[in-house]
């Protein structure tokens, strides 16, 4: 989870939740009621909701799509309504791959595999000889497997994979250790 942008008035914050792929969450400062509006395709606006809570989850957000949001605090009467907030943008994320690893019995080389990630068009494979640092991009593939031909026998390698969408990247997968 990470903070994407904050409005001028500090009462709207958009948070991207990578694990909850189809959701963009809004955190709104304390007001009586709030109109939440979403803009998409740069020209269409849609009133998403009027809420009385300090958070709102846009569960209609499509994966790997950028949206722009505004909010307006509503008073007890129309003359007490606040100004429409500065627009903030967020991109709904894609999930990280769940990677499995094995050694090919015939070649002795490592093979990584994973299930397709919704919204991904390709995958980046990273490798290191340490579990916690120095991962280097070794390949970009459009398939759901990767065989490491540069593997040196007797060396422990750690692999991570990122799903790449048209607009965004996932977080790195958990590492897989193969020797």
Protein backbone atom coordinates (compact mmCIF):
# COMPACT_ATOMS: atom_id res chain seq x y z
CA UNK A 1 0.00 0.00 0.00
CA UNK A 2 1.40 3.41 -0.85
CA UNK A 3 0.32 7.03 -1.02
CA UNK A 4 -0.09 8.28 -4.56
CA UNK A 5 -1.13 11.93 -4.24
CA UNK A 6 -2.59 14.34 -1.75
CA UNK A 7 -4.91 17.24 -2.52
CA UNK A 8 -4.15 20.88 -1.96
CA UNK A 9 -6.48 21.01 1.06
CA UNK A 10 -5.13 17.78 2.63
CA UNK A 11 -8.59 16.30 2.99
CA UNK A 12 -8.46 13.86 0.08
CA UNK A 13 -5.84 11.20 -0.20
CA UNK A 14 -5.87 8.42 -2.77
CA UNK A 15 -4.27 5.17 -1.76
CA UNK A 16 -3.41 2.35 -4.13
CA UNK A 17 -3.85 -1.14 -2.74
CA UNK A 18 -1.90 -3.48 -5.00
CA UNK A 19 -3.24 -6.67 -3.47
CA UNK A 20 -6.86 -5.57 -3.87
CA UNK A 21 -6.47 -5.14 -7.60
CA UNK A 22 -9.86 -3.76 -8.49
CA UNK A 23 -10.04 -1.20 -5.74
CA UNK A 24 -8.84 2.35 -5.26
CA UNK A 25 -9.41 3.63 -1.74
CA UNK A 26 -10.01 7.24 -0.80
CA UNK A 27 -9.29 8.65 2.64
CA UNK A 28 -11.24 11.82 3.30
CA UNK A 29 -10.89 14.25 6.18
CA UNK A 30 -13.70 14.86 8.63
CA UNK A 31 -16.77 16.38 6.96
CA UNK A 32 -20.52 15.82 7.19
CA UNK A 33 -21.02 14.43 3.67
CA UNK A 34 -18.86 14.13 0.60
CA UNK A 35 -19.59 13.80 -3.13
CA UNK A 36 -16.99 11.59 -4.84
CA UNK A 37 -16.58 11.99 -8.58
CA UNK A 38 -14.46 9.88 -10.93
CA UNK A 39 -13.18 10.99 -14.32
CA UNK A 40 -12.08 8.49 -16.93
CA UNK A 41 -11.08 8.68 -20.58
CA UNK A 42 -10.18 12.34 -19.89
CA UNK A 43 -13.68 13.56 -20.68
CA UNK A 44 -16.32 11.58 -18.81
CA UNK A 45 -17.17 12.27 -15.18
CA UNK A 46 -19.31 10.11 -12.97
CA UNK A 47 -20.71 10.82 -9.52
CA UNK A 48 -19.62 7.70 -7.68
CA UNK A 49 -21.18 8.27 -4.32
CA UNK A 50 -22.24 10.57 -1.55
CA UNK A 51 -20.78 9.29 1.69
CA UNK A 52 -20.78 10.20 5.35
CA UNK A 53 -17.71 8.13 6.20
CA UNK A 54 -14.06 9.17 6.02
CA UNK A 55 -13.11 6.44 3.55
CA UNK A 56 -14.45 5.25 0.23
CA UNK A 57 -13.41 2.23 -1.85
CA UNK A 58 -13.94 2.41 -5.61
CA UNK A 59 -14.62 -1.25 -6.31
CA UNK A 60 -15.61 -0.46 -9.91
CA UNK A 61 -12.05 0.48 -10.93
CA UNK A 62 -10.79 -1.63 -13.82
CA UNK A 63 -7.37 -3.24 -13.44
CA UNK A 64 -4.36 -1.29 -14.74
CA UNK A 65 -6.40 1.84 -15.51
CA UNK A 66 -5.76 5.44 -14.50
CA UNK A 67 -8.59 7.45 -12.95
CA UNK A 68 -8.88 11.01 -11.69
CA UNK A 69 -10.95 11.75 -8.58
CA UNK A 70 -12.38 14.88 -7.00
CA UNK A 71 -14.41 15.31 -3.82
CA UNK A 72 -16.63 18.05 -2.49
CA UNK A 73 -17.60 18.50 1.14
CA UNK A 74 -21.31 19.09 1.55
CA UNK A 75 -22.68 21.32 4.30
CA UNK A 76 -26.11 21.22 5.91
CA UNK A 77 -27.22 23.74 3.32
CA UNK A 78 -25.90 24.36 -0.21
CA UNK A 79 -24.27 27.67 0.75
CA UNK A 80 -22.09 25.75 3.23
CA UNK A 81 -20.73 23.35 0.58
CA UNK A 82 -16.98 23.33 0.14
CA UNK A 83 -15.17 23.85 -3.13
CA UNK A 84 -14.47 20.86 -5.34
CA UNK A 85 -11.05 19.49 -4.43
CA UNK A 86 -8.05 19.58 -6.67
CA UNK A 87 -8.14 16.50 -8.89
CA UNK A 88 -5.88 13.61 -7.92
CA UNK A 89 -5.00 10.62 -10.07
CA UNK A 90 -4.50 6.97 -9.25
CA UNK A 91 -3.83 3.88 -11.30
CA UNK A 92 -5.45 0.67 -10.18
CA UNK A 93 -2.72 -1.91 -9.85
CA UNK A 94 -2.19 -5.46 -10.91
CA UNK A 95 -1.38 -8.32 -8.57
CA UNK A 96 2.10 -9.72 -8.16
CA UNK A 97 2.68 -13.20 -9.57
CA UNK A 98 2.81 -16.26 -7.34
CA UNK A 99 6.01 -17.88 -8.62
CA UNK A 100 6.99 -21.54 -8.31
CA UNK A 101 10.45 -22.89 -9.10
CA UNK A 102 11.91 -26.26 -9.99
CA UNK A 103 15.00 -27.78 -11.57
CA UNK A 104 14.50 -29.38 -14.99
CA UNK A 105 15.42 -33.05 -14.61
CA UNK A 106 16.90 -33.33 -18.13
CA UNK A 107 18.95 -30.13 -18.27
CA UNK A 108 19.56 -29.43 -14.57
CA UNK A 109 18.55 -25.81 -15.19
CA UNK A 110 16.05 -23.82 -13.10
CA UNK A 111 12.53 -23.24 -14.41
CA UNK A 112 10.15 -20.65 -13.00
CA UNK A 113 6.39 -20.76 -13.57
CA UNK A 114 3.34 -18.75 -12.48
CA UNK A 115 -0.35 -18.31 -13.24
CA UNK A 116 -1.48 -15.50 -15.53
CA UNK A 117 -2.03 -12.20 -13.74
CA UNK A 118 -5.12 -10.28 -14.84
CA UNK A 119 -4.05 -7.16 -16.74
CA UNK A 120 -0.46 -8.33 -17.33
CA UNK A 121 0.93 -8.27 -20.89
CA UNK A 122 4.43 -9.47 -19.99
CA UNK A 123 6.62 -10.40 -17.04
CA UNK A 124 10.05 -9.24 -15.88
CA UNK A 125 12.38 -11.82 -14.30
CA UNK A 126 14.96 -10.66 -11.74
CA UNK A 127 17.84 -12.73 -10.34
CA UNK A 128 20.33 -12.36 -7.49
CA UNK A 129 22.78 -14.47 -5.54
CA UNK A 130 21.46 -12.89 -2.31
CA UNK A 131 17.88 -13.10 -1.07
CA UNK A 132 17.59 -9.47 0.01
CA UNK A 133 19.45 -7.30 -2.50
CA UNK A 134 21.15 -6.81 -5.86
CA UNK A 135 18.36 -8.23 -8.03
CA UNK A 136 19.07 -7.62 -11.71
CA UNK A 137 16.64 -7.83 -14.60
CA UNK A 138 17.61 -10.93 -16.61
CA UNK A 139 14.64 -11.35 -18.95
CA UNK A 140 11.28 -10.04 -20.07
CA UNK A 141 8.84 -12.68 -21.30
CA UNK A 142 5.26 -12.88 -22.52
CA UNK A 143 4.92 -16.51 -21.41
CA UNK A 144 4.10 -17.99 -18.01
CA UNK A 145 7.44 -19.77 -17.63
CA UNK A 146 11.11 -18.89 -17.69
CA UNK A 147 14.10 -21.22 -17.98
CA UNK A 148 17.46 -19.80 -16.88
CA UNK A 149 20.10 -20.86 -19.43
CA UNK A 150 22.80 -18.76 -17.69
CA UNK A 151 22.52 -20.79 -14.49
CA UNK A 152 25.88 -21.87 -13.00
CA UNK A 153 25.70 -25.29 -11.34
CA UNK A 154 26.33 -25.24 -7.60
CA UNK A 155 25.35 -21.56 -7.23
CA UNK A 156 22.23 -20.57 -5.30
CA UNK A 157 20.08 -18.10 -7.21
CA UNK A 158 17.09 -16.11 -5.98
CA UNK A 159 14.42 -15.11 -8.48
CA UNK A 160 11.59 -12.57 -8.38
CA UNK A 161 9.01 -11.79 -11.06
CA UNK A 162 6.98 -8.63 -11.77
CA UNK A 163 3.78 -8.55 -13.82
CA UNK A 164 3.80 -5.70 -16.35
CA UNK A 165 0.53 -4.14 -17.51
CA UNK A 166 -0.13 -1.56 -20.18
CA UNK A 167 -0.01 1.22 -17.56
CA UNK A 168 1.56 -0.16 -14.39
CA UNK A 169 3.81 -2.83 -12.86
CA UNK A 170 3.05 -5.14 -9.96
CA UNK A 171 5.19 -5.41 -6.89
CA UNK A 172 7.89 -8.07 -7.04
CA UNK A 173 6.84 -11.61 -6.23
CA UNK A 174 8.24 -13.34 -3.19
CA UNK A 175 11.63 -14.80 -4.04
CA UNK A 176 12.17 -18.38 -5.15
CA UNK A 177 15.54 -19.96 -4.30
CA UNK A 178 16.99 -22.54 -6.69
CA UNK A 179 20.38 -24.26 -6.52
